[in-house]
Protein backbone atom coordinates (compact mmCIF):
# COMPACT_ATOMS: atom_id res chain seq x y z
CA UNK A 1 12.79 -26.92 6.76
CA UNK A 2 12.02 -23.60 9.21
CA UNK A 3 8.50 -22.95 10.58
CA UNK A 4 8.61 -19.48 9.80
CA UNK A 5 10.13 -16.87 7.68
CA UNK A 6 11.64 -13.25 8.85
CA UNK A 7 9.45 -10.78 6.67
CA UNK A 8 7.99 -7.68 5.89
CA UNK A 9 5.26 -7.75 3.17
CA UNK A 10 4.25 -4.18 3.16
CA UNK A 11 6.96 -1.32 2.27
CA UNK A 12 6.73 1.94 0.19
CA UNK A 13 9.32 3.46 -1.75
CA UNK A 14 9.92 6.75 -3.53
CA UNK A 15 8.20 5.34 -6.55
CA UNK A 16 4.82 6.31 -4.56
CA UNK A 17 4.39 8.01 -1.48
CA UNK A 18 7.62 6.65 0.50
CA UNK A 19 10.81 8.54 1.16
CA UNK A 20 13.50 5.60 0.45
CA UNK A 21 14.38 4.26 -2.79
CA UNK A 22 14.54 0.58 -3.43
CA UNK A 23 18.34 0.86 -2.82
CA UNK A 24 17.73 2.35 0.48
CA UNK A 25 15.15 -0.23 1.48
CA UNK A 26 17.44 -3.01 0.81
CA UNK A 27 19.83 -2.05 2.94
CA UNK A 28 17.61 -1.28 5.77
CA UNK A 29 15.83 -4.71 5.35
CA UNK A 30 19.51 -6.14 5.62
CA UNK A 31 20.32 -4.63 8.55
CA UNK A 32 16.94 -5.91 10.22
CA UNK A 33 18.07 -9.40 8.72
CA UNK A 34 14.85 -9.99 7.00
CA UNK A 35 14.44 -12.87 4.66
CA UNK A 36 11.35 -12.02 2.19
CA UNK A 37 10.25 -8.50 1.53
CA UNK A 38 7.81 -7.05 -0.63
CA UNK A 39 7.17 -3.44 -2.00
CA UNK A 40 3.72 -2.66 -2.15
CA UNK A 41 3.61 0.87 -3.69
CA UNK A 42 0.35 2.50 -4.20
CA UNK A 43 -1.06 1.89 -7.90
CA UNK A 44 2.28 1.45 -9.30
CA UNK A 45 4.85 -1.40 -9.96
CA UNK A 46 7.60 0.91 -11.01
CA UNK A 47 10.25 0.09 -8.37
CA UNK A 48 9.61 -3.81 -8.29
CA UNK A 49 12.19 -5.20 -10.72
CA UNK A 50 14.63 -2.82 -9.22
CA UNK A 51 13.79 -3.90 -5.73
CA UNK A 52 13.99 -7.76 -6.93
CA UNK A 53 17.17 -7.17 -8.39
CA UNK A 54 19.02 -5.44 -5.53
CA UNK A 55 17.25 -8.20 -3.06
CA UNK A 56 18.92 -11.07 -4.95
CA UNK A 57 22.23 -9.19 -4.30
CA UNK A 58 21.41 -8.97 -0.75
CA UNK A 59 20.24 -12.50 -0.33
CA UNK A 60 16.82 -11.44 0.46
CA UNK A 61 13.73 -12.79 -1.33
CA UNK A 62 11.52 -10.09 -2.77
CA UNK A 63 7.88 -10.68 -3.90
CA UNK A 64 6.25 -8.66 -6.58
CA UNK A 65 3.80 -6.37 -4.75
CA UNK A 66 1.44 -3.44 -5.25
CA UNK A 67 -1.33 -1.84 -3.04
CA UNK A 68 -4.73 -1.00 -4.83
CA UNK A 69 -7.18 1.35 -3.55
CA UNK A 70 -10.71 0.02 -4.21
CA UNK A 71 -14.27 0.58 -3.11
CA UNK A 72 -16.95 -1.53 -1.86
CA UNK A 73 -19.13 0.44 0.49
CA UNK A 74 -16.04 2.03 2.02
CA UNK A 75 -12.40 2.46 0.69
CA UNK A 76 -10.57 -0.86 0.93
CA UNK A 77 -6.94 -1.49 0.25
CA UNK A 78 -6.04 -4.66 -1.63
CA UNK A 79 -2.26 -5.96 -1.58
CA UNK A 80 -1.18 -8.03 -4.74
CA UNK A 81 1.60 -10.36 -4.50
CA UNK A 82 3.83 -12.66 -6.94
CA UNK A 83 2.14 -11.51 -9.77
CA UNK A 84 3.30 -10.69 -13.46
CA UNK A 85 4.18 -6.97 -13.41
CA UNK A 86 3.90 -7.04 -17.03
CA UNK A 87 0.49 -8.50 -17.53
CA UNK A 88 -1.24 -6.42 -20.49
CA UNK A 89 -4.56 -5.80 -18.72
CA UNK A 90 -2.91 -4.99 -15.35
CA UNK A 91 -0.76 -2.42 -16.80
CA UNK A 92 -3.72 -0.81 -19.02
CA UNK A 93 -5.55 -0.60 -15.42
CA UNK A 94 -2.65 0.89 -13.63
CA UNK A 95 -2.34 3.51 -16.80
CA UNK A 96 -6.04 4.45 -16.10
CA UNK A 97 -5.48 5.03 -12.19
CA UNK A 98 -2.43 7.33 -13.11
CA UNK A 99 -4.70 9.16 -15.49
CA UNK A 100 -7.17 9.42 -12.63
CA UNK A 101 -4.24 10.67 -10.32
CA UNK A 102 -3.16 13.60 -12.70
CA UNK A 103 -7.07 14.80 -12.99
CA UNK A 104 -7.00 14.77 -8.89
CA UNK A 105 -3.86 16.79 -8.33
CA UNK A 106 -5.61 19.35 -10.89
CA UNK A 107 -9.10 19.27 -9.20
CA UNK A 108 -7.20 19.71 -5.72
CA UNK A 109 -4.85 22.73 -6.65
CA UNK A 110 -8.14 24.56 -8.08
CA UNK A 111 -9.91 23.76 -4.71
CA UNK A 112 -6.56 25.26 -2.70
CA UNK A 113 -6.78 28.33 -5.11
CA UNK A 114 -10.25 28.98 -3.91
CA UNK A 115 -9.23 28.87 -0.61
CA UNK A 116 -6.51 31.40 -1.05
CA UNK A 117 -3.52 28.93 -1.13
CA UNK A 118 -1.67 29.05 -4.53
CA UNK A 119 0.39 26.08 -5.29
CA UNK A 120 0.91 25.09 -8.86
CA UNK A 121 0.68 21.48 -10.16
CA UNK A 122 4.36 21.88 -11.30
CA UNK A 123 5.84 22.26 -7.65
CA UNK A 124 3.78 19.09 -6.71
CA UNK A 125 5.36 17.42 -9.54
CA UNK A 126 8.54 18.67 -8.65
CA UNK A 127 8.01 17.10 -5.09
CA UNK A 128 7.00 14.02 -6.35
CA UNK A 129 10.49 13.58 -8.09
CA UNK A 130 10.60 10.34 -9.45
CA UNK A 131 7.03 9.14 -8.15
CA UNK A 132 4.67 7.95 -10.96
CA UNK A 133 1.84 7.45 -8.00
CA UNK A 134 1.66 11.45 -7.53
CA UNK A 135 -1.10 12.16 -4.55
CA UNK A 136 -1.85 14.16 -1.41
CA UNK A 137 1.30 13.54 0.44
CA UNK A 138 3.14 15.43 -2.36
CA UNK A 139 0.91 18.19 -1.94
CA UNK A 140 0.89 18.32 1.77
CA UNK A 141 5.05 18.38 1.51
CA UNK A 142 4.59 21.65 -1.00
CA UNK A 143 2.43 23.19 1.79
CA UNK A 144 4.93 22.58 4.41
CA UNK A 145 8.03 23.70 2.17
CA UNK A 146 6.11 26.98 1.35
CA UNK A 147 5.67 27.43 5.22
CA UNK A 148 1.84 27.27 4.22
CA UNK A 149 1.21 24.25 6.80
CA UNK A 150 3.68 23.36 9.76
CA UNK A 151 3.69 19.93 8.71
CA UNK A 152 2.42 16.96 6.70
CA UNK A 153 -0.03 15.76 9.39
CA UNK A 154 -1.66 19.33 9.52
CA UNK A 155 -2.03 19.49 5.77
CA UNK A 156 -3.90 16.49 5.75
CA UNK A 157 -5.74 17.45 9.03
CA UNK A 158 -6.93 20.92 7.96
CA UNK A 159 -7.57 20.46 4.17
CA UNK A 160 -6.75 17.25 2.28
CA UNK A 161 -8.33 14.49 4.45
CA UNK A 162 -11.95 13.11 3.58
CA UNK A 163 -14.45 15.98 4.57
CA UNK A 164 -12.20 18.63 4.43
CA UNK A 165 -12.00 21.94 1.91
CA UNK A 166 -9.59 20.77 -0.58
CA UNK A 167 -10.22 16.99 -0.43
CA UNK A 168 -11.11 15.32 -3.82
CA UNK A 169 -11.72 11.45 -3.66
CA UNK A 170 -9.04 9.23 -5.56
CA UNK A 171 -10.04 6.79 -8.47
CA UNK A 172 -11.00 3.38 -6.40
CA UNK A 173 -11.77 0.53 -8.57
CA UNK A 174 -13.99 -2.01 -7.38
CA UNK A 175 -12.84 -4.43 -4.85
CA UNK A 176 -14.03 -7.27 -6.86
CA UNK A 177 -12.28 -5.67 -9.97
CA UNK A 178 -8.98 -5.57 -8.02
CA UNK A 179 -8.94 -9.06 -6.93
CA UNK A 180 -9.88 -10.34 -10.47
CA UNK A 181 -7.08 -8.12 -11.98
CA UNK A 182 -4.28 -9.61 -9.67
CA UNK A 183 -5.63 -12.99 -9.88
CA UNK A 184 -5.76 -12.93 -13.63
CA UNK A 185 -2.11 -11.73 -13.33
CA UNK A 186 -1.16 -15.01 -11.82
CA UNK A 187 -0.94 -13.36 -8.08
CA UNK A 188 -2.20 -13.54 -4.30
CA UNK A 189 -4.51 -10.99 -3.41
CA UNK A 190 -4.63 -10.07 0.49
CA UNK A 191 -6.98 -7.82 2.57
CA UNK A 192 -4.71 -4.97 3.67
CA UNK A 193 -4.92 -3.49 7.50
CA UNK A 194 -8.25 -4.62 7.96
CA UNK A 195 -8.62 -2.79 11.51
CA UNK A 196 -8.24 0.81 9.98
CA UNK A 197 -10.95 0.21 7.67
CA UNK A 198 -13.76 2.63 8.04
CA UNK A 199 -16.13 -0.40 9.29
CA UNK A 200 -17.80 -1.11 12.51
CA UNK A 201 -15.67 -4.45 14.03
CA UNK A 202 -19.17 -6.79 13.82
CA UNK A 203 -19.24 -6.17 10.13
CA UNK A 204 -15.62 -7.07 9.58
CA UNK A 205 -16.02 -10.99 9.55
CA UNK A 206 -18.87 -10.40 6.67
CA UNK A 207 -16.80 -8.22 4.79
CA UNK A 208 -13.84 -11.06 5.05
CA UNK A 209 -16.13 -13.68 4.08
CA UNK A 210 -17.37 -11.74 1.13
CA UNK A 211 -13.93 -11.15 -0.23
CA UNK A 212 -13.62 -14.49 0.35
CA UNK A 213 -16.45 -15.76 -2.06
CA UNK A 214 -14.67 -13.26 -4.55
CA UNK A 215 -11.32 -14.99 -4.36
CA UNK A 216 -9.36 -13.05 -1.78
CA UNK A 217 -6.62 -15.36 -1.09
CA UNK A 218 -5.33 -13.61 2.50
CA UNK A 219 -5.44 -11.23 5.41
CA UNK A 220 -2.83 -8.91 6.73
CA UNK A 221 -3.12 -9.86 10.16
CA UNK A 222 0.09 -8.63 11.64
CA UNK A 223 0.28 -4.75 11.11
CA UNK A 224 2.14 -2.03 12.81
CA UNK A 225 -1.18 -0.34 14.35
CA UNK A 226 -2.84 -3.89 15.14
CA UNK A 227 -2.78 -4.91 18.95
CA UNK A 228 -2.88 -8.23 20.17
CA UNK A 229 -6.53 -8.63 20.23
CA UNK A 230 -6.78 -7.48 16.42
CA UNK A 231 -3.94 -9.66 15.36
CA UNK A 232 -5.01 -12.43 16.95
CA UNK A 233 -8.63 -12.13 15.73
CA UNK A 234 -7.47 -12.02 12.19
CA UNK A 235 -5.16 -14.94 12.46
CA UNK A 236 -7.89 -17.06 13.89
CA UNK A 237 -10.14 -15.83 11.01
CA UNK A 238 -7.44 -16.81 8.21
CA UNK A 239 -7.03 -19.94 9.78
CA UNK A 240 -10.78 -20.60 10.11
CA UNK A 241 -11.73 -19.73 6.44
CA UNK A 242 -8.44 -21.28 5.14
CA UNK A 243 -6.81 -17.90 3.86
CA UNK A 244 -3.13 -16.99 4.16
CA UNK A 245 -2.03 -14.81 7.20
CA UNK A 246 0.30 -12.00 6.16
CA UNK A 247 2.42 -9.34 7.82
CA UNK A 248 3.37 -5.78 7.12
CA UNK A 249 4.88 -2.46 8.54
CA UNK A 250 3.44 -0.29 5.88
CA UNK A 251 6.46 1.69 6.01
CA UNK A 252 7.14 4.91 4.64
CA UNK A 253 9.77 6.94 5.96
CA UNK A 254 9.51 9.75 8.59
CA UNK A 255 6.36 10.98 7.04
CA UNK A 256 4.73 8.08 9.03
CA UNK A 257 7.33 7.95 12.12
CA UNK A 258 5.31 5.52 14.13
CA UNK A 259 5.86 2.70 11.21
CA UNK A 260 9.30 0.94 11.09
CA UNK A 261 10.65 -1.74 8.79
CA UNK A 262 9.87 -4.74 11.28
CA UNK A 263 10.85 -8.23 12.19
CA UNK A 264 7.31 -10.35 11.73
CA UNK A 265 7.01 -14.08 11.65
CA UNK A 266 5.71 -15.37 8.73
CA UNK A 267 4.74 -19.07 8.58
CA UNK A 268 6.45 -21.25 6.14
CA UNK A 269 3.51 -22.58 4.84
CA UNK A 270 2.10 -19.24 4.21
CA UNK A 271 5.15 -18.02 2.57
CA UNK A 272 4.76 -21.26 0.38
CA UNK A 273 1.40 -20.50 -0.58
CA UNK A 274 2.20 -16.67 -1.55
CA UNK A 275 5.23 -17.90 -3.95
CA UNK A 276 3.00 -20.37 -5.53
CA UNK A 277 1.47 -19.10 -8.92
């Protein structure tokens, strides 16, 4: 048996704020000769079954996945893997989050109008297309298409990011609740990109230990912005705490050009733990 699997377990599609369809993602993953992947769209599983079906045809194992925005003193993203996407309690919570997203879009457009920027909710939803997880990136794209902002990055930097004039907080469930929901649906939970959490380095280990007490299963050790020190620190921490060590590019498409679908090495042992319900 091989000691490691070539994987990328953090991908986004047009069902949330990514640019590619599941078909396009599968083709790119096939070109990269990936063996295991996961579609981890924000707060939605709409593309998961499609991704799994297409992956089977190309000989790529696709774990069901999601990325949930949660709150525990600061914003923390929790990745869920290999869970039952038809679990009733889980689906109900996603429905509530979607309703909050609709309300957030309305509030942001109101704030933009107060700033003299007139874009409609209809324009935003047309921009979002098939996405059931409409968010700030779709607003940013409308601002760019109407030449109000030169780029998506500028839209965030000047209007939509935390502390800016048109910012409205997202619906963030409690971190422990997110962990419980995913585990009750039979899945594994992983702390996403620990080094971009708004927390001091000397507090990170305490956070991970608290999450372990709540039942988290792993840490995203290999990530596109993590340097060698950060990745090695997280891998060693996962080993000491008996947690799964995962990997992901957080690929969205050209809107996040620095991130590309990557060939990470996932240990066979950690892969088997992720697969186990």
